Amino acid sequence: MKVFFFMMELLLSLLMSIFLIPNFWLFQWFFFFSSFLFFMKMKLSWFSMISMFFGLDYFSFFLILLSYWICSLMILASEKLYKVNFYYNFFLFVMVFLMISLLMAFSSENLFIFYLFFEMSLIPTLILIMGWGYQPERIEAGMYLMFYTLFFSLPMMIGIFYFLLKDSSMMFYNIFLCKNWFIYICVNMMFLVKMPMYFLHLWLPKAHVEASVSGSMILAGIMLKLGGYGLIRLMKIFPYFWFNFNLLFIVISLVGGVIISIVCLRQNDLKSLIAYSSVAHMGLVTAGLLTLNFWGLIGSFILMLAHGLCSSGLFCLSNINYERLMSRSLYINKGLLNIMPGLAFWWFLFSICNMAAPPSMNLMGEIFLINSLVIYSWISMIFLSLISFLSAGYSLYMYSFSQHGIFYSGLFSFQSGNYREFLLLFLHWFPLNFLIVKGDFLMI
């Protein structure tokens, strides 16, 4: 009964926030306030507040908290929509719809309800990309996102009904071990596309590059985590495939991570570089989860949280540049240390977080993942060392190319960072670097 009232409290608060839509900043403040209220509900037990369909455990709680936090920062980053009056009322309505779908997806314990809200979260994301994206190619990017996800989601329905017939239940904790390789493929391909695994990643750079800053933030911060969350929930029922199918996907993820890291080194589009680096990081997460050991589980989860904050912060920085220079090209985004020294400092902080330097959570997650993958197979050390080296390489390339050198001669007038932008960047960076102080709690 307790969780029923708690879920109703969260849902009603989100629905009532629709009345605050005419006041942009009051709505943004309300989202921040909601994230702190949700944080205060934290219980230190593994499973807490379990009801018939909804409940929060350690993974759900942190991912819902991350969703609230990123959604608050998305509104803070989208001030330009409010200034130019570009359908910001509809934008805030889409935010409410998106947050409700994420809340229900992460807190559901029923596989069908999880699937339903997993798919529902696709609609507001598509609206954000196609409605507030910058280039005409956003229509194509939206179609890529839609068809990749839907094509691999339909076989998941077969898996759900198979579990219903086999186990007479669709609850995560009532599904027994499965030995059917076809169901393994049907169920997990949806999550591997969402992660996205190499070979299935082509929708992601396209969607990121064409989306507005809010679309990129929600894609990097939350949408990729839905795939990881699904694997966390369902991978335990497929232990029989630990050394055949899982091995295949781990090899693809690690080799793909190396290839994507090399691809990052020859990007000339700032957003494209950050998007490809997301694929490399999430490849590590996928590989860690598929090892089916405790190190991999906790490492993947920590890296998912860290990547959500770090990648979202980098997209905010690239958008701050875009609003001033009207270009994402690295040939124009040059020498910014000369004209925006304050923002160059934030570029440095987020670049070193992206390469997993201490004291960021990225480092903690990667240490766990390296342990889990080396335990699984010592040969993975070769790919892990290459991924670590190349991630430092493309992070330094991004920082040095954008901040050093002679700035673009076509600049006429210029404004450095303002208070809102520094606050936005600080609210990404602070939890990313200070949650490691409570690293023992993240290892529960």
Protein backbone atom coordinates (compact mmCIF):
# COMPACT_ATOMS: atom_id res chain seq x y z
CA MET A 1 0.00 0.00 0.00
CA LYS A 2 2.88 2.29 0.86
CA VAL A 3 4.41 2.12 -2.61
CA PHE A 4 1.01 2.71 -4.21
CA PHE A 5 0.70 6.03 -2.40
CA PHE A 6 4.33 6.88 -3.16
CA MET A 7 3.88 6.23 -6.90
CA MET A 8 0.62 8.20 -6.90
CA GLU A 9 2.41 11.04 -5.13
CA LEU A 10 5.11 11.14 -7.84
CA LEU A 11 2.68 10.80 -10.75
CA LEU A 12 0.24 13.39 -9.41
CA SER A 13 3.07 15.86 -8.77
CA LEU A 14 4.20 15.43 -12.40
CA LEU A 15 0.65 15.82 -13.72
CA MET A 16 0.00 18.89 -11.56
CA SER A 17 3.20 20.46 -12.90
CA ILE A 18 1.32 20.93 -16.22
CA PHE A 19 -0.39 23.93 -14.58
CA LEU A 20 3.02 25.56 -14.08
CA ILE A 21 3.87 25.39 -17.80
CA PRO A 22 3.06 29.09 -18.56
CA ASN A 23 5.83 30.07 -16.11
CA PHE A 24 9.04 28.59 -17.57
CA TRP A 25 11.37 29.19 -14.58
CA LEU A 26 8.82 28.16 -11.95
CA PHE A 27 8.39 24.86 -13.84
CA GLN A 28 12.16 24.38 -13.91
CA TRP A 29 12.42 25.11 -10.19
CA PHE A 30 9.62 22.60 -9.52
CA PHE A 31 11.54 19.83 -11.35
CA PHE A 32 14.63 20.52 -9.26
CA PHE A 33 12.55 20.51 -6.10
CA SER A 34 10.97 17.17 -7.14
CA SER A 35 14.41 15.60 -7.65
CA PHE A 36 15.44 16.59 -4.10
CA LEU A 37 12.13 15.33 -2.67
CA PHE A 38 12.65 12.02 -4.46
CA PHE A 39 16.20 11.81 -3.11
CA MET A 40 14.86 12.18 0.44
CA LYS A 41 12.76 9.01 -0.07
CA MET A 42 15.87 6.86 -0.40
CA LYS A 43 15.93 3.65 1.62
CA LEU A 44 19.16 1.79 2.32
CA SER A 45 17.60 -1.65 1.82
CA TRP A 46 18.01 -3.59 -1.43
CA PHE A 47 14.30 -3.79 -2.24
CA SER A 48 12.01 -1.16 -0.80
CA MET A 49 8.39 -0.22 -1.31
CA ILE A 50 7.34 -3.21 -3.41
CA SER A 51 3.73 -3.49 -4.62
CA MET A 52 1.98 -5.54 -7.26
CA PHE A 53 3.56 -3.83 -10.27
CA PHE A 54 5.88 -1.11 -9.00
CA GLY A 55 8.81 -1.00 -6.66
CA LEU A 56 12.17 0.64 -6.19
CA ASP A 57 15.44 -1.11 -5.64
CA TYR A 58 19.00 0.16 -5.74
CA PHE A 59 19.18 0.36 -9.57
CA SER A 60 15.71 1.85 -10.13
CA PHE A 61 16.15 4.50 -7.48
CA PHE A 62 19.37 5.95 -8.88
CA LEU A 63 18.18 5.84 -12.49
CA ILE A 64 14.93 7.66 -11.63
CA LEU A 65 16.94 10.21 -9.66
CA LEU A 66 19.25 10.65 -12.68
CA SER A 67 16.15 11.10 -14.90
CA TYR A 68 14.77 13.86 -12.66
CA TRP A 69 18.18 15.56 -12.52
CA ILE A 70 18.84 15.46 -16.28
CA CYS A 71 15.28 16.63 -17.09
CA SER A 72 15.75 19.62 -14.72
CA LEU A 73 19.04 20.48 -16.42
CA MET A 74 17.46 20.09 -19.88
CA ILE A 75 15.00 22.86 -19.04
CA LEU A 76 17.85 25.00 -17.68
CA ALA A 77 19.84 24.43 -20.91
CA SER A 78 16.88 25.35 -23.15
CA GLU A 79 16.52 28.98 -22.08
CA LYS A 80 16.76 30.08 -25.71
CA LEU A 81 13.36 28.50 -26.47
CA TYR A 82 11.84 30.72 -23.77
CA LYS A 83 13.68 33.85 -24.95
CA VAL A 84 12.59 33.53 -28.58
CA ASN A 85 9.19 32.06 -27.59
CA PHE A 86 9.72 28.97 -29.75
CA TYR A 87 6.82 26.73 -28.59
CA TYR A 88 8.32 26.45 -25.09
CA ASN A 89 4.89 25.57 -23.60
CA PHE A 90 4.72 22.45 -25.75
CA PHE A 91 8.36 21.70 -24.93
CA LEU A 92 7.58 21.66 -21.19
CA PHE A 93 4.52 19.47 -21.79
CA VAL A 94 6.73 16.97 -23.67
CA MET A 95 9.11 17.03 -20.68
CA VAL A 96 6.28 15.99 -18.32
CA PHE A 97 5.23 13.18 -20.68
CA LEU A 98 8.85 12.00 -20.97
CA MET A 99 9.44 12.03 -17.21
CA ILE A 100 6.25 10.04 -16.53
CA SER A 101 7.26 7.36 -19.07
CA LEU A 102 10.78 7.11 -17.58
CA LEU A 103 9.46 6.96 -14.01
CA MET A 104 7.08 4.12 -14.90
CA ALA A 105 9.69 2.22 -16.96
CA PHE A 106 12.38 2.29 -14.25
CA SER A 107 10.03 1.46 -11.36
CA SER A 108 7.99 -1.33 -13.01
CA GLU A 109 8.49 -4.92 -11.92
CA ASN A 110 6.29 -6.37 -14.63
CA LEU A 111 8.03 -7.12 -17.93
CA PHE A 112 5.06 -6.05 -20.06
CA ILE A 113 4.62 -2.72 -18.25
CA PHE A 114 8.37 -2.11 -18.58
CA TYR A 115 8.14 -2.83 -22.33
CA LEU A 116 5.11 -0.55 -22.71
CA PHE A 117 6.76 2.47 -21.07
CA PHE A 118 10.12 1.67 -22.70
CA GLU A 119 8.40 2.16 -26.05
CA MET A 120 6.36 5.12 -24.82
CA SER A 121 9.51 7.08 -23.96
CA LEU A 122 10.40 6.94 -27.66
CA ILE A 123 7.57 9.31 -28.61
CA PRO A 124 8.65 12.42 -26.62
CA THR A 125 12.29 11.81 -27.66
CA LEU A 126 11.22 11.73 -31.30
CA ILE A 127 9.24 14.98 -30.81
CA LEU A 128 12.31 16.65 -29.22
CA ILE A 129 14.54 15.64 -32.16
CA MET A 130 12.09 16.45 -34.96
CA GLY A 131 10.50 19.52 -33.34
CA TRP A 132 13.49 21.42 -31.97
CA GLY A 133 16.40 19.99 -34.00
CA TYR A 134 18.51 22.41 -36.03
CA GLN A 135 18.99 20.93 -39.53
CA PRO A 136 16.50 19.50 -42.07
CA GLU A 137 18.22 16.08 -41.66
CA ARG A 138 16.50 15.77 -38.27
CA ILE A 139 13.54 14.07 -39.99
CA GLU A 140 15.85 11.33 -41.28
CA ALA A 141 17.53 11.05 -37.86
CA GLY A 142 14.12 10.65 -36.20
CA MET A 143 13.16 7.91 -38.65
CA TYR A 144 16.45 6.09 -37.98
CA LEU A 145 15.77 6.19 -34.24
CA MET A 146 12.17 5.05 -34.67
CA PHE A 147 12.77 2.17 -37.06
CA TYR A 148 15.90 0.78 -35.41
CA THR A 149 14.11 0.65 -32.05
CA LEU A 150 10.77 -0.63 -33.33
CA PHE A 151 12.27 -3.27 -35.63
CA PHE A 152 14.15 -4.87 -32.74
CA SER A 153 11.37 -4.25 -30.19
CA LEU A 154 8.70 -6.37 -31.88
CA PRO A 155 10.55 -9.70 -31.28
CA MET A 156 10.62 -8.71 -27.60
CA MET A 157 6.82 -9.21 -27.54
CA ILE A 158 7.41 -12.86 -28.52
CA GLY A 159 9.75 -13.20 -25.51
CA ILE A 160 7.25 -11.59 -23.13
CA PHE A 161 4.41 -13.92 -24.12
CA TYR A 162 6.79 -16.90 -24.05
CA PHE A 163 7.58 -16.12 -20.39
CA LEU A 164 3.87 -15.73 -19.66
CA LEU A 165 3.15 -19.20 -21.08
CA LYS A 166 6.22 -20.85 -19.52
CA ASP A 167 6.20 -19.30 -16.04
CA SER A 168 2.58 -18.03 -15.79
CA SER A 169 4.02 -14.66 -14.78
CA MET A 170 5.66 -11.59 -16.28
CA MET A 171 7.19 -10.32 -13.02
CA PHE A 172 10.99 -9.97 -13.15
CA TYR A 173 11.54 -12.10 -10.02
CA ASN A 174 9.10 -14.87 -11.08
CA ILE A 175 10.75 -15.65 -14.43
CA PHE A 176 12.80 -18.85 -14.27
CA LEU A 177 15.99 -19.75 -16.12
CA CYS A 178 15.59 -19.94 -19.88
CA LYS A 179 17.50 -22.32 -22.21
CA ASN A 180 15.90 -21.19 -25.46
CA TRP A 181 18.48 -19.39 -27.63
CA PHE A 182 15.79 -17.87 -29.88
CA ILE A 183 14.12 -16.15 -26.90
CA TYR A 184 17.56 -14.96 -25.73
CA ILE A 185 18.08 -13.24 -29.10
CA CYS A 186 14.52 -11.84 -29.22
CA VAL A 187 14.64 -10.34 -25.74
CA ASN A 188 18.18 -8.96 -25.64
CA MET A 189 18.48 -7.47 -29.13
CA MET A 190 16.11 -4.65 -28.11
CA PHE A 191 18.41 -3.69 -25.23
CA LEU A 192 21.58 -4.04 -27.32
CA VAL A 193 20.16 -1.64 -29.93
CA LYS A 194 19.25 0.85 -27.23
CA MET A 195 22.70 0.66 -25.55
CA PRO A 196 23.80 0.79 -28.52
CA MET A 197 26.11 -2.11 -29.36
CA TYR A 198 28.55 -1.70 -32.26
CA PHE A 199 26.95 -2.64 -35.64
CA LEU A 200 23.57 -1.49 -34.23
CA HIS A 201 24.75 2.02 -33.35
CA LEU A 202 24.16 3.90 -36.61
CA TRP A 203 21.02 5.67 -35.34
CA LEU A 204 22.82 7.25 -32.37
CA PRO A 205 25.36 9.67 -33.98
CA LYS A 206 22.68 10.78 -36.46
CA ALA A 207 20.11 11.41 -33.71
CA HIS A 208 22.62 13.25 -31.49
CA VAL A 209 23.96 15.50 -34.23
CA GLU A 210 20.51 16.55 -35.46
CA ALA A 211 18.83 16.92 -32.03
CA SER A 212 18.61 20.14 -30.04
CA VAL A 213 20.61 20.37 -26.81
CA SER A 214 17.70 18.92 -24.79
CA GLY A 215 17.31 16.00 -27.21
CA SER A 216 21.03 15.20 -27.01
CA MET A 217 21.00 15.43 -23.21
CA ILE A 218 18.07 13.04 -22.77
CA LEU A 219 19.48 10.61 -25.35
CA ALA A 220 22.94 10.49 -23.76
CA GLY A 221 21.79 10.85 -20.17
CA ILE A 222 18.79 8.53 -19.93
CA MET A 223 17.77 6.74 -23.13
CA LEU A 224 20.95 4.66 -23.42
CA LYS A 225 20.48 3.65 -19.76
CA LEU A 226 17.10 2.03 -20.52
CA GLY A 227 18.96 -0.65 -22.48
CA GLY A 228 21.43 -1.21 -19.65
CA TYR A 229 18.63 -1.38 -17.08
CA GLY A 230 16.80 -4.01 -19.18
CA LEU A 231 19.99 -6.13 -19.38
CA ILE A 232 20.49 -5.83 -15.60
CA ARG A 233 16.95 -7.10 -15.03
CA LEU A 234 16.88 -9.94 -17.56
CA MET A 235 20.46 -11.18 -18.02
CA LYS A 236 20.25 -13.34 -14.89
CA ILE A 237 17.69 -15.65 -16.52
CA PHE A 238 20.09 -16.55 -19.37
CA PRO A 239 23.14 -18.05 -17.60
CA TYR A 240 23.28 -20.97 -20.09
CA PHE A 241 24.53 -18.59 -22.79
CA TRP A 242 27.40 -17.25 -20.68
CA PHE A 243 30.20 -18.57 -22.89
CA ASN A 244 28.70 -18.72 -26.37
CA PHE A 245 26.32 -15.85 -27.21
CA ASN A 246 27.58 -13.59 -24.44
CA LEU A 247 31.18 -14.12 -25.61
CA LEU A 248 30.19 -13.11 -29.15
CA PHE A 249 28.53 -9.89 -27.95
CA ILE A 250 31.43 -9.07 -25.59
CA VAL A 251 33.93 -9.42 -28.47
CA ILE A 252 31.77 -7.21 -30.73
CA SER A 253 31.45 -4.58 -27.96
CA LEU A 254 35.19 -4.46 -27.19
CA VAL A 255 36.44 -4.54 -30.79
CA GLY A 256 33.70 -2.03 -31.69
CA GLY A 257 34.84 0.20 -28.81
CA VAL A 258 38.37 0.31 -30.26
CA ILE A 259 37.12 1.03 -33.81
CA ILE A 260 34.72 3.75 -32.62
CA SER A 261 37.52 5.36 -30.57
CA ILE A 262 39.65 5.54 -33.74
CA VAL A 263 36.64 7.00 -35.61
CA CYS A 264 36.41 9.69 -32.88
CA LEU A 265 39.96 10.80 -33.69
CA ARG A 266 39.01 11.87 -37.20
CA GLN A 267 35.72 13.67 -36.50
CA ASN A 268 35.48 17.34 -37.40
CA ASP A 269 32.00 17.83 -35.90
CA LEU A 270 32.01 18.51 -32.15
CA LYS A 271 28.66 16.84 -31.40
CA SER A 272 29.50 13.88 -33.61
CA LEU A 273 32.73 13.28 -31.66
CA ILE A 274 30.88 13.32 -28.30
CA ALA A 275 28.17 11.00 -29.71
CA TYR A 276 30.71 8.44 -30.97
CA SER A 277 32.52 8.54 -27.60
CA SER A 278 29.17 7.57 -26.02
CA VAL A 279 29.11 4.43 -28.18
CA ALA A 280 32.64 3.50 -27.00
CA HIS A 281 31.74 3.97 -23.31
CA MET A 282 28.46 2.09 -23.56
CA GLY A 283 30.33 -0.74 -25.33
CA LEU A 284 32.29 -1.20 -22.10
CA VAL A 285 29.03 -1.20 -20.11
CA THR A 286 27.51 -3.86 -22.39
CA ALA A 287 30.60 -6.07 -22.16
CA GLY A 288 30.71 -5.73 -18.36
CA LEU A 289 27.04 -6.68 -17.95
CA LEU A 290 27.38 -9.73 -20.21
CA THR A 291 30.19 -11.20 -18.08
CA LEU A 292 27.46 -12.02 -15.49
CA ASN A 293 29.64 -11.30 -12.45
CA PHE A 294 29.30 -8.86 -9.56
CA TRP A 295 32.22 -6.65 -10.63
CA GLY A 296 30.65 -6.23 -14.08
CA LEU A 297 27.19 -5.47 -12.69
CA ILE A 298 28.31 -2.76 -10.27
CA GLY A 299 30.92 -1.33 -12.68
CA SER A 300 28.37 -1.08 -15.49
CA PHE A 301 25.87 0.63 -13.22
CA ILE A 302 28.40 3.19 -11.93
CA LEU A 303 29.65 3.91 -15.47
CA MET A 304 26.05 4.36 -16.66
CA LEU A 305 25.46 7.03 -14.00
CA ALA A 306 28.83 8.68 -14.72
CA HIS A 307 28.32 8.65 -18.49
CA GLY A 308 24.83 10.15 -18.09
CA LEU A 309 26.27 13.20 -16.32
CA CYS A 310 29.55 13.54 -18.26
CA SER A 311 28.14 13.13 -21.78
CA SER A 312 25.19 15.42 -21.01
CA GLY A 313 27.64 18.08 -19.73
CA LEU A 314 29.74 17.83 -22.91
CA PHE A 315 26.62 18.29 -25.06
CA CYS A 316 25.76 21.40 -23.01
CA LEU A 317 29.25 22.78 -23.67
CA SER A 318 29.02 22.12 -27.40
CA ASN A 319 25.61 23.85 -27.44
CA ILE A 320 27.04 26.90 -25.62
CA ASN A 321 29.62 27.13 -28.45
CA TYR A 322 26.95 26.57 -31.10
CA GLU A 323 24.78 29.42 -29.76
CA ARG A 324 27.71 31.81 -30.22
CA LEU A 325 29.43 30.56 -33.38
CA MET A 326 26.41 28.99 -35.15
CA SER A 327 28.61 26.06 -36.13
CA ARG A 328 29.62 22.71 -34.67
CA SER A 329 32.68 22.37 -36.91
CA LEU A 330 36.02 22.06 -35.12
CA TYR A 331 37.56 24.24 -37.84
CA ILE A 332 35.45 27.17 -36.62
CA ASN A 333 35.31 26.18 -32.90
CA LYS A 334 39.02 26.95 -32.48
CA GLY A 335 41.09 29.08 -30.14
CA LEU A 336 38.21 29.58 -27.73
CA LEU A 337 40.63 29.87 -24.81
CA ASN A 338 41.41 33.39 -26.10
CA ILE A 339 37.83 34.64 -26.00
CA MET A 340 36.07 32.37 -23.45
CA PRO A 341 38.68 31.43 -20.81
CA GLY A 342 36.00 30.62 -18.19
CA LEU A 343 34.37 28.05 -20.45
CA ALA A 344 37.77 26.62 -21.41
CA PHE A 345 38.13 25.58 -17.76
CA TRP A 346 34.86 23.62 -17.96
CA TRP A 347 35.95 22.06 -21.27
CA PHE A 348 39.06 20.85 -19.46
CA LEU A 349 37.10 19.43 -16.50
CA PHE A 350 34.64 17.51 -18.67
CA SER A 351 37.33 16.29 -21.07
CA ILE A 352 39.33 14.71 -18.24
CA CYS A 353 36.13 13.17 -16.84
CA ASN A 354 35.46 11.72 -20.30
CA MET A 355 38.88 10.03 -20.28
CA ALA A 356 38.16 8.61 -16.76
CA ALA A 357 40.62 10.69 -14.75
CA PRO A 358 40.35 10.74 -10.95
CA PRO A 359 38.27 11.66 -8.99
CA SER A 360 35.41 11.14 -11.47
CA MET A 361 32.95 8.25 -11.22
CA ASN A 362 34.02 7.22 -14.74
CA LEU A 363 37.32 6.03 -13.27
CA MET A 364 35.60 3.99 -10.55
CA GLY A 365 33.25 2.35 -13.08
CA GLU A 366 36.07 1.56 -15.51
CA ILE A 367 38.24 -0.01 -12.78
CA PHE A 368 35.36 -2.36 -11.91
CA LEU A 369 34.70 -3.17 -15.58
CA ILE A 370 38.38 -3.88 -16.28
CA ASN A 371 38.38 -6.30 -13.33
CA SER A 372 35.24 -8.07 -14.52
CA LEU A 373 36.43 -8.44 -18.13
CA VAL A 374 39.93 -9.62 -17.19
CA ILE A 375 38.36 -12.24 -14.88
CA TYR A 376 36.20 -13.33 -17.84
CA SER A 377 39.12 -13.57 -20.29
CA TRP A 378 42.68 -12.22 -20.05
CA ILE A 379 42.73 -11.50 -23.82
CA SER A 380 40.27 -8.63 -23.19
CA MET A 381 43.22 -6.73 -21.62
CA ILE A 382 44.45 -5.88 -25.14
CA PHE A 383 41.17 -4.20 -26.13
CA LEU A 384 40.68 -2.56 -22.72
CA SER A 385 44.13 -0.97 -22.83
CA LEU A 386 43.46 0.30 -26.38
CA ILE A 387 40.06 1.72 -25.42
CA SER A 388 41.56 3.49 -22.36
CA PHE A 389 44.46 4.91 -24.38
CA LEU A 390 42.31 6.05 -27.31
CA SER A 391 39.66 7.60 -25.03
CA ALA A 392 42.41 9.78 -23.54
CA GLY A 393 43.52 10.50 -27.12
CA TYR A 394 40.18 11.72 -28.47
CA SER A 395 39.36 13.66 -25.26
CA LEU A 396 42.67 15.55 -25.56
CA TYR A 397 42.11 16.02 -29.30
CA MET A 398 38.67 17.53 -28.62
CA TYR A 399 39.99 19.84 -25.88
CA SER A 400 43.19 21.01 -27.58
CA PHE A 401 41.62 21.46 -31.02
CA SER A 402 38.69 23.53 -29.69
CA GLN A 403 40.59 25.64 -27.13
CA HIS A 404 44.02 26.27 -28.66
CA GLY A 405 45.17 27.86 -31.88
CA ILE A 406 44.01 31.06 -33.61
CA PHE A 407 40.30 31.76 -33.28
CA TYR A 408 38.01 32.12 -36.30
CA SER A 409 38.54 35.47 -38.04
CA GLY A 410 34.86 35.87 -38.94
CA LEU A 411 33.79 36.55 -35.33
CA PHE A 412 32.29 40.00 -34.92
CA SER A 413 30.96 40.36 -31.37
CA PHE A 414 31.18 37.84 -28.58
CA GLN A 415 29.80 37.00 -25.14
CA SER A 416 31.54 34.75 -22.61
CA GLY A 417 29.64 32.41 -20.31
CA ASN A 418 26.83 33.71 -18.09
CA TYR A 419 25.63 32.60 -14.64
CA ARG A 420 22.99 30.20 -16.01
CA GLU A 421 25.57 28.35 -18.13
CA PHE A 422 28.09 28.06 -15.29
CA LEU A 423 25.36 26.78 -12.96
CA LEU A 424 24.28 24.26 -15.61
CA LEU A 425 27.83 22.95 -15.99
CA PHE A 426 28.46 22.88 -12.24
CA LEU A 427 25.30 20.83 -11.62
CA HIS A 428 26.62 18.23 -14.10
CA TRP A 429 30.15 18.22 -12.74
CA PHE A 430 29.52 18.25 -8.97
CA PRO A 431 27.63 14.91 -8.64
CA LEU A 432 29.96 13.33 -11.22
CA ASN A 433 33.04 14.01 -9.08
CA PHE A 434 31.67 13.97 -5.55
CA LEU A 435 29.54 10.80 -5.64
CA ILE A 436 32.83 8.88 -5.60
CA VAL A 437 33.16 9.97 -1.95
CA LYS A 438 30.23 7.62 -1.26
CA GLY A 439 31.66 4.93 -3.53
CA ASP A 440 31.13 2.33 -0.80
CA PHE A 441 27.36 2.95 -1.03
CA LEU A 442 27.41 2.59 -4.82
CA MET A 443 29.00 -0.87 -4.30
CA ILE A 444 26.09 -2.27 -2.22
